[in-house]
Amino acid sequence: MIDVHQNEIQQHDRAINDLKRELYLQLKSANQETKSEELIAKMCEIQSEIERAHFQHFFEIRALCRPDQMDDFDSLSEELARIFGKPPLVR
């Protein structure tokens, strides 16, 4: 289950990186606003798929838990909310 999830996320990450490269190559052109918006929209779609995949992965893990493990899973859920809910670092 973990391998499947990691492979899916890696594929999505590669797709986003490819789109980013294509996006920033648009800077060479005088007017590529339409193309850039299309690339950004595709990146957003893939990021949504990543978030769905992460959520589904942990939901599947929850289904594996025995009743005596649910408190630990609930603690993990709270930790995940903190980790994934952090604002991005400002550089």
PDB file of N, CA and C in Angstrom:
ATOM      1  N   MET A   1       0.833  -1.189   0.000  1.00  0.00           N
ATOM      2  CA  MET A   1       0.000   0.000   0.000  1.00  0.00           C
ATOM      3  C   MET A   1       0.884   1.261   0.000  1.00  0.00           C
ATOM      4  N   ILE A   2       1.954   1.228   0.790  1.00  0.00           N
ATOM      5  CA  ILE A   2       2.841   2.391   0.851  1.00  0.00           C
ATOM      6  C   ILE A   2       3.559   2.582  -0.481  1.00  0.00           C
ATOM      7  N   ASP A   3       4.035   1.475  -1.059  1.00  0.00           N
ATOM      8  CA  ASP A   3       4.740   1.568  -2.347  1.00  0.00           C
ATOM      9  C   ASP A   3       3.837   2.141  -3.437  1.00  0.00           C
ATOM     10  N   VAL A   4       2.606   1.688  -3.478  1.00  0.00           N
ATOM     11  CA  VAL A   4       1.652   2.191  -4.477  1.00  0.00           C
ATOM     12  C   VAL A   4       1.453   3.689  -4.289  1.00  0.00           C
ATOM     13  N   HIS A   5       1.272   4.096  -3.035  1.00  0.00           N
ATOM     14  CA  HIS A   5       1.056   5.520  -2.744  1.00  0.00           C
ATOM     15  C   HIS A   5       2.276   6.348  -3.138  1.00  0.00           C
ATOM     16  N   GLN A   6       3.457   5.893  -2.750  1.00  0.00           N
ATOM     17  CA  GLN A   6       4.674   6.638  -3.075  1.00  0.00           C
ATOM     18  C   GLN A   6       4.880   6.749  -4.584  1.00  0.00           C
ATOM     19  N   ASN A   7       4.629   5.667  -5.303  1.00  0.00           N
ATOM     20  CA  ASN A   7       4.763   5.710  -6.768  1.00  0.00           C
ATOM     21  C   ASN A   7       3.798   6.706  -7.391  1.00  0.00           C
ATOM     22  N   GLU A   8       2.567   6.708  -6.896  1.00  0.00           N
ATOM     23  CA  GLU A   8       1.563   7.643  -7.418  1.00  0.00           C
ATOM     24  C   GLU A   8       1.994   9.090  -7.180  1.00  0.00           C
ATOM     25  N   ILE A   9       2.466   9.369  -5.978  1.00  0.00           N
ATOM     26  CA  ILE A   9       2.885  10.729  -5.644  1.00  0.00           C
ATOM     27  C   ILE A   9       4.104  11.130  -6.468  1.00  0.00           C
ATOM     28  N   GLN A  10       5.041  10.222  -6.651  1.00  0.00           N
ATOM     29  CA  GLN A  10       6.232  10.523  -7.453  1.00  0.00           C
ATOM     30  C   GLN A  10       5.855  10.836  -8.898  1.00  0.00           C
ATOM     31  N   GLN A  11       4.907  10.099  -9.451  1.00  0.00           N
ATOM     32  CA  GLN A  11       4.451  10.372 -10.822  1.00  0.00           C
ATOM     33  C   GLN A  11       3.843  11.766 -10.910  1.00  0.00           C
ATOM     34  N   HIS A  12       3.015  12.098  -9.934  1.00  0.00           N
ATOM     35  CA  HIS A  12       2.399  13.431  -9.917  1.00  0.00           C
ATOM     36  C   HIS A  12       3.464  14.524  -9.763  1.00  0.00           C
ATOM     37  N   ASP A  13       4.432  14.279  -8.885  1.00  0.00           N
ATOM     38  CA  ASP A  13       5.495  15.268  -8.685  1.00  0.00           C
ATOM     39  C   ASP A  13       6.297  15.480  -9.975  1.00  0.00           C
ATOM     40  N   ARG A  14       6.593  14.395 -10.675  1.00  0.00           N
ATOM     41  CA  ARG A  14       7.318  14.526 -11.943  1.00  0.00           C
ATOM     42  C   ARG A  14       6.497  15.323 -12.957  1.00  0.00           C
ATOM     43  N   ALA A  15       5.198  15.055 -13.003  1.00  0.00           N
ATOM     44  CA  ALA A  15       4.330  15.777 -13.943  1.00  0.00           C
ATOM     45  C   ALA A  15       4.314  17.270 -13.617  1.00  0.00           C
ATOM     46  N   ILE A  16       4.227  17.611 -12.340  1.00  0.00           N
ATOM     47  CA  ILE A  16       4.236  19.019 -11.945  1.00  0.00           C
ATOM     48  C   ILE A  16       5.574  19.659 -12.308  1.00  0.00           C
ATOM     49  N   ASN A  17       6.664  18.963 -12.054  1.00  0.00           N
ATOM     50  CA  ASN A  17       7.983  19.515 -12.396  1.00  0.00           C
ATOM     51  C   ASN A  17       8.125  19.741 -13.894  1.00  0.00           C
ATOM     52  N   ASP A  18       7.619  18.812 -14.703  1.00  0.00           N
ATOM     53  CA  ASP A  18       7.651  18.986 -16.160  1.00  0.00           C
ATOM     54  C   ASP A  18       6.855  20.221 -16.575  1.00  0.00           C
ATOM     55  N   LEU A  19       5.686  20.391 -15.975  1.00  0.00           N
ATOM     56  CA  LEU A  19       4.855  21.556 -16.291  1.00  0.00           C
ATOM     57  C   LEU A  19       5.522  22.856 -15.843  1.00  0.00           C
ATOM     58  N   LYS A  20       6.190  22.828 -14.701  1.00  0.00           N
ATOM     59  CA  LYS A  20       6.896  24.026 -14.239  1.00  0.00           C
ATOM     60  C   LYS A  20       8.015  24.396 -15.201  1.00  0.00           C
ATOM     61  N   ARG A  21       8.760  23.406 -15.665  1.00  0.00           N
ATOM     62  CA  ARG A  21       9.820  23.700 -16.632  1.00  0.00           C
ATOM     63  C   ARG A  21       9.228  24.349 -17.882  1.00  0.00           C
ATOM     64  N   GLU A  22       8.138  23.753 -18.366  1.00  0.00           N
ATOM     65  CA  GLU A  22       7.493  24.303 -19.556  1.00  0.00           C
ATOM     66  C   GLU A  22       6.973  25.719 -19.293  1.00  0.00           C
ATOM     67  N   LEU A  23       6.413  25.924 -18.113  1.00  0.00           N
ATOM     68  CA  LEU A  23       5.895  27.248 -17.748  1.00  0.00           C
ATOM     69  C   LEU A  23       6.990  28.307 -17.794  1.00  0.00           C
ATOM     70  N   TYR A  24       8.088  28.025 -17.138  1.00  0.00           N
ATOM     71  CA  TYR A  24       9.129  29.048 -17.052  1.00  0.00           C
ATOM     72  C   TYR A  24       9.883  29.233 -18.359  1.00  0.00           C
ATOM     73  N   LEU A  25       9.808  28.254 -19.235  1.00  0.00           N
ATOM     74  CA  LEU A  25      10.357  28.453 -20.577  1.00  0.00           C
ATOM     75  C   LEU A  25       9.499  29.429 -21.379  1.00  0.00           C
ATOM     76  N   GLN A  26       8.260  29.614 -20.958  1.00  0.00           N
ATOM     77  CA  GLN A  26       7.361  30.574 -21.615  1.00  0.00           C
ATOM     78  C   GLN A  26       7.860  32.008 -21.443  1.00  0.00           C
ATOM     79  N   LEU A  27       8.720  32.224 -20.463  1.00  0.00           N
ATOM     80  CA  LEU A  27       9.251  33.575 -20.233  1.00  0.00           C
ATOM     81  C   LEU A  27      10.089  34.067 -21.410  1.00  0.00           C
ATOM     82  N   LYS A  28      10.557  33.157 -22.241  1.00  0.00           N
ATOM     83  CA  LYS A  28      11.340  33.538 -23.422  1.00  0.00           C
ATOM     84  C   LYS A  28      10.476  34.220 -24.475  1.00  0.00           C
ATOM     85  N   SER A  29       9.186  33.931 -24.452  1.00  0.00           N
ATOM     86  CA  SER A  29       8.268  34.467 -25.458  1.00  0.00           C
ATOM     87  C   SER A  29       7.676  35.792 -24.998  1.00  0.00           C
ATOM     88  N   ALA A  30       7.310  36.596 -25.957  1.00  0.00           N
ATOM     89  CA  ALA A  30       6.777  37.920 -25.649  1.00  0.00           C
ATOM     90  C   ALA A  30       5.414  37.848 -24.954  1.00  0.00           C
ATOM     91  N   ASN A  31       4.509  36.991 -25.443  1.00  0.00           N
ATOM     92  CA  ASN A  31       3.159  36.942 -24.888  1.00  0.00           C
ATOM     93  C   ASN A  31       2.662  35.500 -24.870  1.00  0.00           C
ATOM     94  N   GLN A  32       2.777  34.877 -23.742  1.00  0.00           N
ATOM     95  CA  GLN A  32       2.350  33.490 -23.601  1.00  0.00           C
ATOM     96  C   GLN A  32       1.353  33.327 -22.458  1.00  0.00           C
ATOM     97  N   GLU A  33       0.585  34.368 -22.202  1.00  0.00           N
ATOM     98  CA  GLU A  33      -0.322  34.347 -21.058  1.00  0.00           C
ATOM     99  C   GLU A  33      -1.305  33.180 -21.131  1.00  0.00           C
ATOM    100  N   THR A  34      -1.871  32.914 -22.298  1.00  0.00           N
ATOM    101  CA  THR A  34      -2.840  31.830 -22.433  1.00  0.00           C
ATOM    102  C   THR A  34      -2.191  30.497 -22.128  1.00  0.00           C
ATOM    103  N   LYS A  35      -1.019  30.248 -22.677  1.00  0.00           N
ATOM    104  CA  LYS A  35      -0.309  28.993 -22.440  1.00  0.00           C
ATOM    105  C   LYS A  35       0.079  28.870 -20.977  1.00  0.00           C
ATOM    106  N   SER A  36       0.531  29.946 -20.389  1.00  0.00           N
ATOM    107  CA  SER A  36       0.947  29.889 -18.987  1.00  0.00           C
ATOM    108  C   SER A  36      -0.250  29.588 -18.083  1.00  0.00           C
ATOM    109  N   GLU A  37      -1.383  30.182 -18.371  1.00  0.00           N
ATOM    110  CA  GLU A  37      -2.580  29.904 -17.564  1.00  0.00           C
ATOM    111  C   GLU A  37      -3.002  28.443 -17.691  1.00  0.00           C
ATOM    112  N   GLU A  38      -2.873  27.896 -18.880  1.00  0.00           N
ATOM    113  CA  GLU A  38      -3.199  26.488 -19.110  1.00  0.00           C
ATOM    114  C   GLU A  38      -2.260  25.585 -18.304  1.00  0.00           C
ATOM    115  N   LEU A  39      -0.977  25.886 -18.306  1.00  0.00           N
ATOM    116  CA  LEU A  39      -0.004  25.095 -17.556  1.00  0.00           C
ATOM    117  C   LEU A  39      -0.255  25.187 -16.057  1.00  0.00           C
ATOM    118  N   ILE A  40      -0.553  26.386 -15.579  1.00  0.00           N
ATOM    119  CA  ILE A  40      -0.839  26.569 -14.153  1.00  0.00           C
ATOM    120  C   ILE A  40      -2.099  25.803 -13.761  1.00  0.00           C
ATOM    121  N   ALA A  41      -3.108  25.831 -14.597  1.00  0.00           N
ATOM    122  CA  ALA A  41      -4.339  25.088 -14.316  1.00  0.00           C
ATOM    123  C   ALA A  41      -4.068  23.591 -14.235  1.00  0.00           C
ATOM    124  N   LYS A  42      -3.217  23.082 -15.132  1.00  0.00           N
ATOM    125  CA  LYS A  42      -2.862  21.653 -15.092  1.00  0.00           C
ATOM    126  C   LYS A  42      -2.127  21.317 -13.798  1.00  0.00           C
ATOM    127  N   MET A  43      -1.223  22.217 -13.367  1.00  0.00           N
ATOM    128  CA  MET A  43      -0.513  21.987 -12.111  1.00  0.00           C
ATOM    129  C   MET A  43      -1.488  21.935 -10.928  1.00  0.00           C
ATOM    130  N   CYS A  44      -2.471  22.805 -10.943  1.00  0.00           N
ATOM    131  CA  CYS A  44      -3.480  22.823  -9.875  1.00  0.00           C
ATOM    132  C   CYS A  44      -4.276  21.522  -9.847  1.00  0.00           C
ATOM    133  N   GLU A  45      -4.631  21.028 -11.019  1.00  0.00           N
ATOM    134  CA  GLU A  45      -5.365  19.761 -11.099  1.00  0.00           C
ATOM    135  C   GLU A  45      -4.540  18.619 -10.505  1.00  0.00           C
ATOM    136  N   ILE A  46      -3.272  18.576 -10.857  1.00  0.00           N
ATOM    137  CA  ILE A  46      -2.404  17.508 -10.352  1.00  0.00           C
ATOM    138  C   ILE A  46      -2.215  17.645  -8.846  1.00  0.00           C
ATOM    139  N   GLN A  47      -2.061  18.876  -8.359  1.00  0.00           N
ATOM    140  CA  GLN A  47      -1.919  19.066  -6.913  1.00  0.00           C
ATOM    141  C   GLN A  47      -3.174  18.595  -6.183  1.00  0.00           C
ATOM    142  N   SER A  48      -4.333  18.810  -6.776  1.00  0.00           N
ATOM    143  CA  SER A  48      -5.578  18.311  -6.184  1.00  0.00           C
ATOM    144  C   SER A  48      -5.570  16.785  -6.124  1.00  0.00           C
ATOM    145  N   GLU A  49      -5.071  16.155  -7.171  1.00  0.00           N
ATOM    146  CA  GLU A  49      -4.969  14.696  -7.190  1.00  0.00           C
ATOM    147  C   GLU A  49      -4.007  14.202  -6.108  1.00  0.00           C
ATOM    148  N   ILE A  50      -2.923  14.932  -5.889  1.00  0.00           N
ATOM    149  CA  ILE A  50      -1.974  14.568  -4.837  1.00  0.00           C
ATOM    150  C   ILE A  50      -2.653  14.612  -3.477  1.00  0.00           C
ATOM    151  N   GLU A  51      -3.395  15.682  -3.216  1.00  0.00           N
ATOM    152  CA  GLU A  51      -4.067  15.812  -1.920  1.00  0.00           C
ATOM    153  C   GLU A  51      -5.108  14.712  -1.728  1.00  0.00           C
ATOM    154  N   ARG A  52      -5.844  14.387  -2.788  1.00  0.00           N
ATOM    155  CA  ARG A  52      -6.810  13.285  -2.707  1.00  0.00           C
ATOM    156  C   ARG A  52      -6.098  11.965  -2.419  1.00  0.00           C
ATOM    157  N   ALA A  53      -4.971  11.745  -3.077  1.00  0.00           N
ATOM    158  CA  ALA A  53      -4.218  10.501  -2.888  1.00  0.00           C
ATOM    159  C   ALA A  53      -3.703  10.398  -1.453  1.00  0.00           C
ATOM    160  N   HIS A  54      -3.180  11.501  -0.908  1.00  0.00           N
ATOM    161  CA  HIS A  54      -2.718  11.486   0.486  1.00  0.00           C
ATOM    162  C   HIS A  54      -3.877  11.168   1.425  1.00  0.00           C
ATOM    163  N   PHE A  55      -4.990  11.854   1.224  1.00  0.00           N
ATOM    164  CA  PHE A  55      -6.141  11.645   2.106  1.00  0.00           C
ATOM    165  C   PHE A  55      -6.631  10.204   2.014  1.00  0.00           C
ATOM    166  N   GLN A  56      -6.768   9.691   0.806  1.00  0.00           N
ATOM    167  CA  GLN A  56      -7.240   8.321   0.606  1.00  0.00           C
ATOM    168  C   GLN A  56      -6.280   7.316   1.239  1.00  0.00           C
ATOM    169  N   HIS A  57      -4.988   7.570   1.122  1.00  0.00           N
ATOM    170  CA  HIS A  57      -3.978   6.692   1.696  1.00  0.00           C
ATOM    171  C   HIS A  57      -4.168   6.560   3.207  1.00  0.00           C
ATOM    172  N   PHE A  58      -4.321   7.694   3.883  1.00  0.00           N
ATOM    173  CA  PHE A  58      -4.496   7.637   5.332  1.00  0.00           C
ATOM    174  C   PHE A  58      -5.864   7.094   5.719  1.00  0.00           C
ATOM    175  N   PHE A  59      -6.854   7.297   4.881  1.00  0.00           N
ATOM    176  CA  PHE A  59      -8.167   6.707   5.132  1.00  0.00           C
ATOM    177  C   PHE A  59      -8.080   5.186   5.053  1.00  0.00           C
ATOM    178  N   GLU A  60      -7.298   4.685   4.102  1.00  0.00           N
ATOM    179  CA  GLU A  60      -7.096   3.236   3.977  1.00  0.00           C
ATOM    180  C   GLU A  60      -6.316   2.682   5.168  1.00  0.00           C
ATOM    181  N   ILE A  61      -5.357   3.451   5.659  1.00  0.00           N
ATOM    182  CA  ILE A  61      -4.629   3.035   6.859  1.00  0.00           C
ATOM    183  C   ILE A  61      -5.578   2.959   8.044  1.00  0.00           C
ATOM    184  N   ARG A  62      -6.457   3.941   8.145  1.00  0.00           N
ATOM    185  CA  ARG A  62      -7.448   3.951   9.235  1.00  0.00           C
ATOM    186  C   ARG A  62      -8.286   2.674   9.206  1.00  0.00           C
ATOM    187  N   ALA A  63      -8.653   2.232   8.013  1.00  0.00           N
ATOM    188  CA  ALA A  63      -9.482   1.030   7.878  1.00  0.00           C
ATOM    189  C   ALA A  63      -8.762  -0.226   8.378  1.00  0.00           C
ATOM    190  N   LEU A  64      -7.447  -0.176   8.417  1.00  0.00           N
ATOM    191  CA  LEU A  64      -6.669  -1.317   8.897  1.00  0.00           C
ATOM    192  C   LEU A  64      -6.563  -1.362  10.420  1.00  0.00           C
ATOM    193  N   CYS A  65      -6.877  -0.255  11.058  1.00  0.00           N
ATOM    194  CA  CYS A  65      -6.705  -0.159  12.509  1.00  0.00           C
ATOM    195  C   CYS A  65      -7.745  -0.993  13.258  1.00  0.00           C
ATOM    196  N   ARG A  66      -7.249  -1.614  14.321  1.00  0.00           N
ATOM    197  CA  ARG A  66      -8.153  -2.299  15.254  1.00  0.00           C
ATOM    198  C   ARG A  66      -8.765  -1.234  16.169  1.00  0.00           C
ATOM    199  N   PRO A  67      -9.859  -1.561  16.835  1.00  0.00           N
ATOM    200  CA  PRO A  67     -10.470  -0.583  17.740  1.00  0.00           C
ATOM    201  C   PRO A  67      -9.490  -0.030  18.781  1.00  0.00           C
ATOM    202  N   ASP A  68      -8.586  -0.873  19.292  1.00  0.00           N
ATOM    203  CA  ASP A  68      -7.646  -0.404  20.303  1.00  0.00           C
ATOM    204  C   ASP A  68      -6.555   0.506  19.720  1.00  0.00           C
ATOM    205  N   GLN A  69      -6.485   0.628  18.397  1.00  0.00           N
ATOM    206  CA  GLN A  69      -5.498   1.490  17.747  1.00  0.00           C
ATOM    207  C   GLN A  69      -6.090   2.838  17.315  1.00  0.00           C
ATOM    208  N   MET A  70      -7.385   2.985  17.448  1.00  0.00           N
ATOM    209  CA  MET A  70      -8.033   4.193  16.938  1.00  0.00           C
ATOM    210  C   MET A  70      -7.583   5.469  17.648  1.00  0.00           C
ATOM    211  N   ASP A  71      -7.308   5.393  18.953  1.00  0.00           N
ATOM    212  CA  ASP A  71      -6.824   6.594  19.652  1.00  0.00           C
ATOM    213  C   ASP A  71      -5.480   7.033  19.074  1.00  0.00           C
ATOM    214  N   ASP A  72      -4.613   6.066  18.789  1.00  0.00           N
ATOM    215  CA  ASP A  72      -3.318   6.397  18.180  1.00  0.00           C
ATOM    216  C   ASP A  72      -3.516   6.975  16.786  1.00  0.00           C
ATOM    217  N   PHE A  73      -4.452   6.414  16.029  1.00  0.00           N
ATOM    218  CA  PHE A  73      -4.710   6.941  14.698  1.00  0.00           C
ATOM    219  C   PHE A  73      -5.263   8.362  14.788  1.00  0.00           C
ATOM    220  N   ASP A  74      -6.130   8.604  15.764  1.00  0.00           N
ATOM    221  CA  ASP A  74      -6.666   9.964  15.944  1.00  0.00           C
ATOM    222  C   ASP A  74      -5.542  10.949  16.268  1.00  0.00           C
ATOM    223  N   SER A  75      -4.572  10.522  17.064  1.00  0.00           N
ATOM    224  CA  SER A  75      -3.413  11.375  17.358  1.00  0.00           C
ATOM    225  C   SER A  75      -2.611  11.633  16.087  1.00  0.00           C
ATOM    226  N   LEU A  76      -2.442  10.597  15.272  1.00  0.00           N
ATOM    227  CA  LEU A  76      -1.748  10.758  13.997  1.00  0.00           C
ATOM    228  C   LEU A  76      -2.493  11.757  13.115  1.00  0.00           C
ATOM    229  N   SER A  77      -3.809  11.666  13.098  1.00  0.00           N
ATOM    230  CA  SER A  77      -4.614  12.589  12.290  1.00  0.00           C
ATOM    231  C   SER A  77      -4.382  14.034  12.710  1.00  0.00           C
ATOM    232  N   GLU A  78      -4.308  14.250  14.005  1.00  0.00           N
ATOM    233  CA  GLU A  78      -4.058  15.608  14.506  1.00  0.00           C
ATOM    234  C   GLU A  78      -2.661  16.070  14.097  1.00  0.00           C
ATOM    235  N   GLU A  79      -1.682  15.177  14.164  1.00  0.00           N
ATOM    236  CA  GLU A  79      -0.318  15.522  13.756  1.00  0.00           C
ATOM    237  C   GLU A  79      -0.270  15.817  12.255  1.00  0.00           C
ATOM    238  N   LEU A  80      -0.976  15.027  11.454  1.00  0.00           N
ATOM    239  CA  LEU A  80      -1.033  15.274  10.010  1.00  0.00           C
ATOM    240  C   LEU A  80      -1.653  16.635   9.709  1.00  0.00           C
ATOM    241  N   ALA A  81      -2.681  16.982  10.458  1.00  0.00           N
ATOM    242  CA  ALA A  81      -3.322  18.293  10.264  1.00  0.00           C
ATOM    243  C   ALA A  81      -2.327  19.410  10.543  1.00  0.00           C
ATOM    244  N   ARG A  82      -1.484  19.227  11.563  1.00  0.00           N
ATOM    245  CA  ARG A  82      -0.465  20.245  11.869  1.00  0.00           C
ATOM    246  C   ARG A  82       0.593  20.281  10.765  1.00  0.00           C
ATOM    247  N   ILE A  83       1.052  19.113  10.345  1.00  0.00           N
ATOM    248  CA  ILE A  83       2.116  19.048   9.332  1.00  0.00           C
ATOM    249  C   ILE A  83       1.637  19.631   8.008  1.00  0.00           C
ATOM    250  N   PHE A  84       0.498  19.144   7.515  1.00  0.00           N
ATOM    251  CA  PHE A  84       0.004  19.569   6.208  1.00  0.00           C
ATOM    252  C   PHE A  84      -0.651  20.936   6.255  1.00  0.00           C
ATOM    253  N   GLY A  85      -0.981  21.413   7.454  1.00  0.00           N
ATOM    254  CA  GLY A  85      -1.627  22.715   7.579  1.00  0.00           C
ATOM    255  C   GLY A  85      -0.669  23.864   7.815  1.00  0.00           C
ATOM    256  N   LYS A  86       0.630  23.553   7.874  1.00  0.00           N
ATOM    257  CA  LYS A  86       1.617  24.608   8.093  1.00  0.00           C
ATOM    258  C   LYS A  86       1.692  25.523   6.878  1.00  0.00           C
ATOM    259  N   PRO A  87       1.833  26.820   7.149  1.00  0.00           N
ATOM    260  CA  PRO A  87       2.024  27.722   6.009  1.00  0.00           C
ATOM    261  C   PRO A  87       3.411  27.467   5.398  1.00  0.00           C
ATOM    262  N   PRO A  88       3.569  27.719   4.111  1.00  0.00           N
ATOM    263  CA  PRO A  88       4.885  27.517   3.489  1.00  0.00           C
ATOM    264  C   PRO A  88       5.912  28.471   4.085  1.00  0.00           C
ATOM    265  N   LEU A  89       7.158  28.020   4.071  1.00  0.00           N
ATOM    266  CA  LEU A  89       8.247  28.870   4.561  1.00  0.00           C
ATOM    267  C   LEU A  89       8.424  30.057   3.643  1.00  0.00           C
ATOM    268  N   VAL A  90       8.634  31.210   4.231  1.00  0.00           N
ATOM    269  CA  VAL A  90       8.866  32.434   3.444  1.00  0.00           C
ATOM    270  C   VAL A  90      10.369  32.570   3.290  1.00  0.00           C
ATOM    271  N   ARG A  91      10.788  32.771   2.054  1.00  0.00           N
ATOM    272  CA  ARG A  91      12.222  32.913   1.804  1.00  0.00           C
ATOM    273  C   ARG A  91      12.582  34.342   1.575  1.00  0.00           C
TER     274      ARG A  91
END
